[in-house]
Amino acid sequence: MTDKKTATYADAMARLEKIVGQIDSNELDIDQLADKIKEANELIAFCTDKLTKAESEVEKLLSDGVETKE
C-alpha cells in the first residue's frame, strides 16, 4: 500500500511529517489515530528499507572505487 502512494523517500518523509503534525495538533479523533499510526509504521518501514538499500549501494560503490585505485 505504501509503495504505491509513496514512490520516493522524499514523498514518504513528507507524508510522515504531515501525520506527525496531525497527531501533535490533536486534529485526529481516536478512530483516525489508529489508522494514521498504522500508516506511519508502514512509511517508516518503507524509509528504512530505502535507506538500507542506499547505504549498501554506496558502500559497494566506495569499495569498488578503492579496489580500482589499487
N, C-alpha and C. Protein backbone atom coordinates (compact mmCIF):
# COMPACT_ATOMS: atom_id res chain seq x y z
N MET A 1 0.82 -1.19 0.00
CA MET A 1 0.00 0.00 0.00
C MET A 1 0.87 1.26 0.00
N THR A 2 1.86 1.29 0.85
CA THR A 2 2.71 2.47 0.96
C THR A 2 3.52 2.70 -0.31
N ASP A 3 4.03 1.62 -0.92
CA ASP A 3 4.87 1.78 -2.10
C ASP A 3 4.13 2.45 -3.24
N LYS A 4 2.85 2.19 -3.40
CA LYS A 4 2.08 2.81 -4.48
C LYS A 4 1.83 4.28 -4.20
N LYS A 5 1.62 4.63 -2.94
CA LYS A 5 1.34 6.01 -2.58
C LYS A 5 2.61 6.85 -2.56
N THR A 6 3.70 6.26 -2.14
CA THR A 6 4.94 7.00 -1.98
C THR A 6 6.05 6.32 -2.77
N ALA A 7 6.31 6.83 -3.94
CA ALA A 7 7.31 6.22 -4.80
C ALA A 7 8.73 6.58 -4.37
N THR A 8 8.88 7.67 -3.63
CA THR A 8 10.22 8.10 -3.26
C THR A 8 10.34 8.28 -1.75
N TYR A 9 11.58 8.29 -1.32
CA TYR A 9 11.89 8.53 0.08
C TYR A 9 11.36 9.90 0.50
N ALA A 10 11.56 10.90 -0.34
CA ALA A 10 11.10 12.26 -0.03
C ALA A 10 9.59 12.32 0.14
N ASP A 11 8.86 11.61 -0.71
CA ASP A 11 7.40 11.56 -0.59
C ASP A 11 6.98 10.93 0.74
N ALA A 12 7.65 9.84 1.08
CA ALA A 12 7.33 9.14 2.33
C ALA A 12 7.62 10.02 3.54
N MET A 13 8.75 10.72 3.51
CA MET A 13 9.10 11.60 4.63
C MET A 13 8.11 12.76 4.75
N ALA A 14 7.70 13.30 3.62
CA ALA A 14 6.71 14.39 3.64
C ALA A 14 5.40 13.90 4.24
N ARG A 15 4.99 12.71 3.87
CA ARG A 15 3.74 12.14 4.41
C ARG A 15 3.89 11.89 5.91
N LEU A 16 5.03 11.37 6.33
CA LEU A 16 5.27 11.15 7.76
C LEU A 16 5.21 12.46 8.54
N GLU A 17 5.82 13.50 8.00
CA GLU A 17 5.79 14.80 8.67
C GLU A 17 4.36 15.32 8.80
N LYS A 18 3.55 15.09 7.78
CA LYS A 18 2.15 15.52 7.83
C LYS A 18 1.40 14.75 8.92
N ILE A 19 1.62 13.46 9.00
CA ILE A 19 0.96 12.64 10.02
C ILE A 19 1.38 13.08 11.41
N VAL A 20 2.67 13.30 11.61
CA VAL A 20 3.16 13.75 12.92
C VAL A 20 2.53 15.09 13.29
N GLY A 21 2.42 15.98 12.32
CA GLY A 21 1.78 17.27 12.57
C GLY A 21 0.33 17.12 12.99
N GLN A 22 -0.38 16.21 12.33
CA GLN A 22 -1.78 15.96 12.69
C GLN A 22 -1.90 15.40 14.11
N ILE A 23 -1.00 14.51 14.45
CA ILE A 23 -1.02 13.92 15.80
C ILE A 23 -0.68 14.98 16.84
N ASP A 24 0.36 15.76 16.57
CA ASP A 24 0.79 16.80 17.52
C ASP A 24 -0.28 17.87 17.74
N SER A 25 -1.04 18.18 16.71
CA SER A 25 -2.03 19.25 16.83
C SER A 25 -3.40 18.74 17.28
N ASN A 26 -3.46 17.46 17.61
CA ASN A 26 -4.71 16.85 18.07
C ASN A 26 -5.84 16.97 17.05
N GLU A 27 -5.51 16.93 15.75
CA GLU A 27 -6.50 17.01 14.69
C GLU A 27 -7.31 15.73 14.54
N LEU A 28 -6.79 14.64 15.05
CA LEU A 28 -7.38 13.33 14.78
C LEU A 28 -8.24 12.84 15.93
N ASP A 29 -9.35 12.21 15.58
CA ASP A 29 -10.11 11.55 16.63
C ASP A 29 -9.50 10.16 16.85
N ILE A 30 -9.96 9.47 17.85
CA ILE A 30 -9.35 8.21 18.25
C ILE A 30 -9.39 7.17 17.14
N ASP A 31 -10.45 7.17 16.34
CA ASP A 31 -10.54 6.20 15.24
C ASP A 31 -9.51 6.49 14.15
N GLN A 32 -9.31 7.74 13.84
CA GLN A 32 -8.32 8.12 12.83
C GLN A 32 -6.90 7.89 13.33
N LEU A 33 -6.70 8.06 14.62
CA LEU A 33 -5.36 7.94 15.20
C LEU A 33 -4.76 6.57 14.92
N ALA A 34 -5.52 5.52 15.14
CA ALA A 34 -5.02 4.16 14.89
C ALA A 34 -4.63 3.98 13.43
N ASP A 35 -5.45 4.48 12.52
CA ASP A 35 -5.15 4.36 11.09
C ASP A 35 -3.89 5.13 10.73
N LYS A 36 -3.73 6.32 11.28
CA LYS A 36 -2.55 7.14 10.97
C LYS A 36 -1.28 6.52 11.53
N ILE A 37 -1.38 5.92 12.71
CA ILE A 37 -0.21 5.27 13.29
C ILE A 37 0.18 4.06 12.45
N LYS A 38 -0.80 3.31 11.97
CA LYS A 38 -0.52 2.17 11.10
C LYS A 38 0.17 2.66 9.82
N GLU A 39 -0.36 3.72 9.22
CA GLU A 39 0.24 4.27 8.01
C GLU A 39 1.66 4.76 8.28
N ALA A 40 1.85 5.42 9.42
CA ALA A 40 3.19 5.90 9.78
C ALA A 40 4.17 4.75 9.92
N ASN A 41 3.74 3.66 10.53
CA ASN A 41 4.62 2.49 10.67
C ASN A 41 5.00 1.92 9.31
N GLU A 42 4.06 1.89 8.38
CA GLU A 42 4.36 1.42 7.02
C GLU A 42 5.35 2.35 6.33
N LEU A 43 5.17 3.64 6.52
CA LEU A 43 6.08 4.62 5.92
C LEU A 43 7.48 4.51 6.51
N ILE A 44 7.55 4.29 7.81
CA ILE A 44 8.85 4.12 8.46
C ILE A 44 9.56 2.89 7.91
N ALA A 45 8.83 1.80 7.74
CA ALA A 45 9.42 0.58 7.17
C ALA A 45 9.92 0.84 5.75
N PHE A 46 9.12 1.57 4.97
CA PHE A 46 9.49 1.92 3.60
C PHE A 46 10.78 2.74 3.58
N CYS A 47 10.85 3.76 4.44
CA CYS A 47 12.03 4.63 4.50
C CYS A 47 13.26 3.86 4.98
N THR A 48 13.07 3.01 5.97
CA THR A 48 14.18 2.21 6.48
C THR A 48 14.74 1.32 5.39
N ASP A 49 13.86 0.70 4.62
CA ASP A 49 14.29 -0.15 3.51
C ASP A 49 15.06 0.66 2.47
N LYS A 50 14.54 1.83 2.12
CA LYS A 50 15.22 2.69 1.15
C LYS A 50 16.62 3.08 1.64
N LEU A 51 16.71 3.46 2.92
CA LEU A 51 18.00 3.86 3.48
C LEU A 51 18.98 2.71 3.52
N THR A 52 18.51 1.54 3.90
CA THR A 52 19.37 0.36 3.96
C THR A 52 19.91 0.02 2.58
N LYS A 53 19.04 0.05 1.58
CA LYS A 53 19.48 -0.23 0.21
C LYS A 53 20.47 0.82 -0.29
N ALA A 54 20.20 2.08 0.00
CA ALA A 54 21.10 3.16 -0.43
C ALA A 54 22.46 3.02 0.25
N GLU A 55 22.45 2.72 1.53
CA GLU A 55 23.71 2.55 2.27
C GLU A 55 24.53 1.41 1.67
N SER A 56 23.87 0.31 1.38
CA SER A 56 24.55 -0.85 0.80
C SER A 56 25.14 -0.50 -0.57
N GLU A 57 24.38 0.22 -1.36
CA GLU A 57 24.85 0.61 -2.69
C GLU A 57 26.04 1.56 -2.60
N VAL A 58 25.98 2.52 -1.69
CA VAL A 58 27.08 3.47 -1.52
C VAL A 58 28.34 2.74 -1.05
N GLU A 59 28.18 1.83 -0.08
CA GLU A 59 29.33 1.07 0.40
C GLU A 59 29.96 0.26 -0.73
N LYS A 60 29.12 -0.35 -1.57
CA LYS A 60 29.64 -1.13 -2.70
C LYS A 60 30.38 -0.22 -3.67
N LEU A 61 29.81 0.93 -3.98
CA LEU A 61 30.47 1.85 -4.91
C LEU A 61 31.80 2.34 -4.35
N LEU A 62 31.82 2.67 -3.06
CA LEU A 62 33.07 3.11 -2.44
C LEU A 62 34.09 1.99 -2.43
N SER A 63 33.65 0.80 -2.15
CA SER A 63 34.54 -0.36 -2.15
C SER A 63 35.10 -0.61 -3.54
N ASP A 64 34.25 -0.53 -4.55
CA ASP A 64 34.70 -0.71 -5.93
C ASP A 64 35.70 0.38 -6.32
N GLY A 65 35.49 1.59 -5.85
CA GLY A 65 36.39 2.69 -6.15
C GLY A 65 37.76 2.49 -5.53
N VAL A 66 37.80 1.97 -4.32
CA VAL A 66 39.07 1.70 -3.64
C VAL A 66 39.82 0.60 -4.36
N GLU A 67 39.12 -0.43 -4.80
CA GLU A 67 39.75 -1.55 -5.49
C GLU A 67 40.35 -1.12 -6.82
N THR A 68 39.71 -0.22 -7.54
CA THR A 68 40.22 0.20 -8.84
C THR A 68 41.43 1.12 -8.70
N LYS A 69 41.57 1.79 -7.56
CA LYS A 69 42.72 2.67 -7.34
C LYS A 69 43.97 1.90 -6.97
N GLU A 70 43.81 0.70 -6.47
CA GLU A 70 44.97 -0.09 -6.01
C GLU A 70 45.70 -0.74 -7.12
